Amino acid sequence: MRYLYDLHIHSALSPCADREMTPVNIVAYAAAAGLEIIAVSDHNAAGNVRAAVEVGEALDVLVVPAAEIQTNEDVHVLCLFPDADSLEAFISEIPFPDLKNRPDVFGEQLLINSDDEIVGSEERLLLTGALISEVEVRKLALKHGGAAVPAHVDRYYYGMAAVLGAVPEEYRVVEFTGGGDAGEFADRSVLRSSDAHVLADIGKYRSFIDLPEKSASALITVLRGDTERKRND
């Protein structure tokens, strides 16, 4: 079946996102826009994912646990998981610099529950690279049952193609966050997501994906290329 998706949405935990990007607002906006599958994918953290998943269950929107990891090469990798436990275990194994956020400089990093109540803030600065490479991030995502997708490869800043000079063939799926030509990735599958930091950007590309069922596990299988490998065995 075909599902309307947006797999790259930042909540107010990301210091560069609007304060209105709360779990309830994100999921409600997505539902109103007809989206069936979304991912809340904050920078280097997952503190608002469980709340978004809970809201998604109430509004019949599948919220896939995710995070956008910045590697030590300053590449962004979108990492998606079948459940919140797997995502949190993945995050817990990533070493990050011991830098504190300065909300007055970088922005607030708000932790918000499923009732849209602010319950705290993340003290670690999220706008900095992890202390591991993109290769290590990809392997760690696979270890925890997830999938790693090079984020916004159509951009110069933080895009894997621009920073590394190419996207390694191990990645069978790449993400675009613009409407440009993906011809250079004709041998890959291409996601088109919003990288939304404000509500109005959620679902702006009206992208569909074919899945056997509406589940995070089915999505992860497709993003990992497992179905393609089985077809060729």
Protein backbone atom coordinates (compact mmCIF):
# COMPACT_ATOMS: atom_id res chain seq x y z
CA MET A 1 0.00 0.00 0.00
CA ARG A 2 1.03 3.62 -0.52
CA TYR A 3 1.39 5.90 2.46
CA LEU A 4 1.87 9.66 2.61
CA TYR A 5 4.94 10.41 4.74
CA ASP A 6 7.34 12.98 6.12
CA LEU A 7 10.27 11.36 7.90
CA HIS A 8 12.26 14.43 8.94
CA ILE A 9 10.52 16.70 11.43
CA HIS A 10 12.17 18.57 14.30
CA SER A 11 10.44 19.21 17.60
CA ALA A 12 11.13 22.04 20.03
CA LEU A 13 13.90 19.87 21.49
CA SER A 14 16.04 20.94 18.54
CA PRO A 15 17.28 24.44 19.40
CA CYS A 16 16.81 25.57 15.80
CA ALA A 17 13.12 24.57 15.75
CA ASP A 18 10.15 26.79 16.52
CA ARG A 19 8.72 26.66 20.04
CA GLU A 20 5.36 25.64 18.54
CA MET A 21 6.89 22.33 17.35
CA THR A 22 5.39 20.36 20.21
CA PRO A 23 4.36 16.68 20.01
CA VAL A 24 0.64 17.50 19.88
CA ASN A 25 1.05 20.31 17.36
CA ILE A 26 3.30 18.24 15.09
CA VAL A 27 1.07 15.19 15.00
CA ALA A 28 -2.17 17.17 14.78
CA TYR A 29 -0.79 19.24 11.89
CA ALA A 30 0.41 16.07 10.15
CA ALA A 31 -2.99 14.41 10.59
CA ALA A 32 -4.78 17.48 9.23
CA ALA A 33 -2.45 17.42 6.21
CA GLY A 34 -3.34 13.77 5.53
CA LEU A 35 0.05 12.38 6.49
CA GLU A 36 -0.03 8.75 7.57
CA ILE A 37 3.61 8.20 8.60
CA ILE A 38 5.95 10.76 10.15
CA ALA A 39 9.19 10.76 12.10
CA VAL A 40 10.18 13.15 14.85
CA SER A 41 13.92 13.39 14.28
CA ASP A 42 15.67 15.88 16.52
CA HIS A 43 19.35 16.76 16.42
CA ASN A 44 21.41 14.19 18.35
CA ALA A 45 18.60 13.45 20.84
CA ALA A 46 15.28 11.66 21.27
CA GLY A 47 13.68 13.23 24.33
CA ASN A 48 10.33 14.11 22.69
CA VAL A 49 9.88 10.94 20.66
CA ARG A 50 7.87 8.89 23.17
CA ALA A 51 5.39 11.74 23.62
CA ALA A 52 4.98 12.07 19.85
CA VAL A 53 4.45 8.32 19.47
CA GLU A 54 1.73 8.46 22.14
CA VAL A 55 -0.03 11.33 20.41
CA GLY A 56 0.29 9.54 17.08
CA GLU A 57 -1.47 6.48 18.45
CA ALA A 58 -4.38 8.68 19.53
CA LEU A 59 -4.63 10.42 16.13
CA ASP A 60 -3.91 7.37 13.92
CA VAL A 61 -0.60 8.75 12.64
CA LEU A 62 2.35 6.37 12.72
CA VAL A 63 5.23 8.20 14.42
CA VAL A 64 8.53 6.46 13.69
CA PRO A 65 11.21 6.96 16.38
CA ALA A 66 14.15 8.77 14.84
CA ALA A 67 17.06 11.17 15.34
CA GLU A 68 19.28 13.20 13.04
CA ILE A 69 22.87 12.49 14.05
CA GLN A 70 25.71 14.85 13.20
CA THR A 71 28.90 12.83 12.75
CA ASN A 72 32.47 13.87 13.44
CA GLU A 73 32.82 14.69 9.72
CA ASP A 74 29.88 17.13 10.11
CA VAL A 75 27.59 14.90 8.06
CA HIS A 76 23.93 14.55 9.00
CA VAL A 77 22.51 11.02 9.08
CA LEU A 78 18.82 10.33 9.63
CA CYS A 79 18.48 7.24 11.83
CA LEU A 80 15.08 5.55 12.19
CA PHE A 81 14.04 2.69 14.46
CA PRO A 82 11.15 0.26 14.98
CA ASP A 83 10.51 1.46 18.54
CA ALA A 84 11.56 4.08 21.07
CA ASP A 85 13.55 1.60 23.18
CA SER A 86 15.82 0.83 20.22
CA LEU A 87 16.29 4.52 19.43
CA GLU A 88 17.19 5.37 23.03
CA ALA A 89 19.63 2.45 23.25
CA PHE A 90 21.27 3.70 20.04
CA ILE A 91 21.57 7.27 21.36
CA SER A 92 23.01 6.03 24.66
CA GLU A 93 25.99 4.47 22.85
CA ILE A 94 26.95 7.59 20.92
CA PRO A 95 29.71 9.71 22.50
CA PHE A 96 29.02 13.44 22.35
CA PRO A 97 31.21 16.38 23.40
CA ASP A 98 30.59 17.54 26.96
CA LEU A 99 29.27 20.96 25.96
CA LYS A 100 26.39 22.73 27.70
CA ASN A 101 23.70 24.55 25.79
CA ARG A 102 23.36 28.32 26.05
CA PRO A 103 19.69 28.99 25.30
CA ASP A 104 20.34 32.69 24.85
CA VAL A 105 22.80 31.90 22.05
CA PHE A 106 21.69 28.62 20.46
CA GLY A 107 18.01 28.40 21.43
CA GLU A 108 15.94 26.44 23.90
CA GLN A 109 16.01 22.62 23.92
CA LEU A 110 12.59 21.82 25.37
CA LEU A 111 11.37 18.48 26.67
CA ILE A 112 7.59 18.26 26.24
CA ASN A 113 5.12 15.54 27.24
CA SER A 114 2.11 14.18 25.34
CA ASP A 115 -0.13 16.83 26.92
CA ASP A 116 2.16 19.51 25.47
CA GLU A 117 3.45 20.46 28.90
CA ILE A 118 7.09 21.57 29.15
CA VAL A 119 8.66 19.15 31.60
CA GLY A 120 12.30 20.22 31.34
CA SER A 121 15.11 20.99 28.95
CA GLU A 122 18.13 19.18 27.55
CA GLU A 123 21.34 20.65 28.99
CA ARG A 124 23.74 19.07 26.48
CA LEU A 125 24.28 21.22 23.41
CA LEU A 126 22.63 19.38 20.52
CA LEU A 127 24.06 21.47 17.68
CA THR A 128 27.47 19.82 17.68
CA GLY A 129 28.95 16.73 16.07
CA ALA A 130 29.17 13.35 17.75
CA LEU A 131 32.57 11.84 18.39
CA ILE A 132 32.07 9.01 15.89
CA SER A 133 32.07 8.76 12.10
CA GLU A 134 29.23 8.18 9.65
CA VAL A 135 30.42 4.59 9.22
CA GLU A 136 30.17 4.01 12.97
CA VAL A 137 26.75 5.68 13.14
CA ARG A 138 25.44 3.45 10.34
CA LYS A 139 26.76 0.30 11.99
CA LEU A 140 25.36 1.31 15.36
CA ALA A 141 21.94 1.98 13.84
CA LEU A 142 21.97 -1.47 12.25
CA LYS A 143 23.06 -3.02 15.53
CA HIS A 144 19.95 -1.62 17.22
CA GLY A 145 17.58 -2.74 14.47
CA GLY A 146 17.36 0.62 12.73
CA ALA A 147 18.19 2.16 9.39
CA ALA A 148 20.60 4.98 8.54
CA VAL A 149 19.79 7.35 5.67
CA PRO A 150 22.10 10.17 4.54
CA ALA A 151 20.12 13.34 5.27
CA HIS A 152 19.47 16.12 2.73
CA VAL A 153 22.12 14.94 0.27
CA ASP A 154 20.91 17.70 -2.05
CA ARG A 155 22.46 20.34 0.25
CA TYR A 156 26.01 21.61 0.45
CA TYR A 157 26.13 22.02 4.23
CA TYR A 158 26.02 18.77 6.22
CA GLY A 159 25.10 16.73 3.12
CA MET A 160 27.10 13.53 2.77
CA ALA A 161 27.70 13.89 -0.96
CA ALA A 162 29.14 17.38 -0.56
CA VAL A 163 31.16 16.77 2.59
CA LEU A 164 32.60 13.35 1.74
CA GLY A 165 32.58 13.73 -2.03
CA ALA A 166 30.22 10.78 -2.51
CA VAL A 167 27.60 8.65 -0.76
CA PRO A 168 29.00 5.17 -0.01
CA GLU A 169 27.16 2.37 -1.80
CA GLU A 170 26.19 0.80 1.53
CA TYR A 171 23.42 3.41 1.70
CA ARG A 172 20.68 2.22 -0.64
CA VAL A 173 18.33 5.06 0.33
CA VAL A 174 19.13 8.79 0.46
CA GLU A 175 17.06 11.78 1.53
CA PHE A 176 16.29 14.97 -0.38
CA THR A 177 14.75 17.94 1.42
CA GLY A 178 14.27 19.94 -1.76
CA GLY A 179 12.41 19.37 -4.98
CA GLY A 180 15.50 19.09 -7.18
CA ASP A 181 16.51 16.43 -9.68
CA ALA A 182 17.74 13.21 -8.07
CA GLY A 183 19.25 11.88 -11.28
CA GLU A 184 22.70 11.37 -9.80
CA PHE A 185 21.11 8.92 -7.36
CA ALA A 186 19.26 6.94 -10.02
CA ASP A 187 20.63 3.72 -8.53
CA ARG A 188 19.20 4.50 -5.05
CA SER A 189 15.78 5.02 -3.56
CA VAL A 190 15.12 8.67 -2.71
CA LEU A 191 13.06 9.94 0.20
CA ARG A 192 11.70 13.48 0.02
CA SER A 193 11.00 14.86 3.47
CA SER A 194 10.61 18.38 4.81
CA ASP A 195 13.27 18.79 7.50
CA ALA A 196 10.53 20.89 9.09
CA HIS A 197 11.47 23.30 11.85
CA VAL A 198 8.11 25.11 11.69
CA LEU A 199 4.61 23.65 11.47
CA ALA A 200 3.86 25.06 8.02
CA ASP A 201 6.67 23.00 6.44
CA ILE A 202 5.41 19.60 7.60
CA GLY A 203 4.51 17.41 4.63
CA LYS A 204 5.29 20.07 2.04
CA TYR A 205 6.55 17.59 -0.58
CA ARG A 206 3.51 15.24 -0.52
CA SER A 207 5.70 12.14 -0.73
CA PHE A 208 4.43 8.55 -0.84
CA ILE A 209 6.13 5.27 0.03
CA ASP A 210 5.06 1.69 -0.72
CA LEU A 211 4.98 -0.60 2.31
CA PRO A 212 3.34 -3.98 2.95
CA GLU A 213 1.79 -2.52 6.11
CA LYS A 214 1.67 0.69 8.11
CA SER A 215 4.32 -0.08 10.70
CA ALA A 216 7.72 1.20 11.74
CA SER A 217 9.19 -2.27 11.26
CA ALA A 218 7.98 -2.45 7.66
CA LEU A 219 9.46 0.97 6.96
CA ILE A 220 12.82 0.05 8.51
CA THR A 221 12.98 -3.11 6.39
CA VAL A 222 12.50 -1.07 3.21
CA LEU A 223 15.00 1.62 4.24
CA ARG A 224 17.63 -1.00 5.06
CA GLY A 225 17.15 -2.56 1.65
CA ASP A 226 16.38 -5.95 3.21
CA THR A 227 13.58 -6.66 0.72
CA GLU A 228 15.89 -5.91 -2.20
CA ARG A 229 18.59 -8.22 -0.85
CA LYS A 230 16.10 -11.03 -0.32
CA ARG A 231 14.79 -10.58 -3.86
CA ASN A 232 18.29 -11.01 -5.24
CA ASP A 233 19.31 -13.99 -3.07
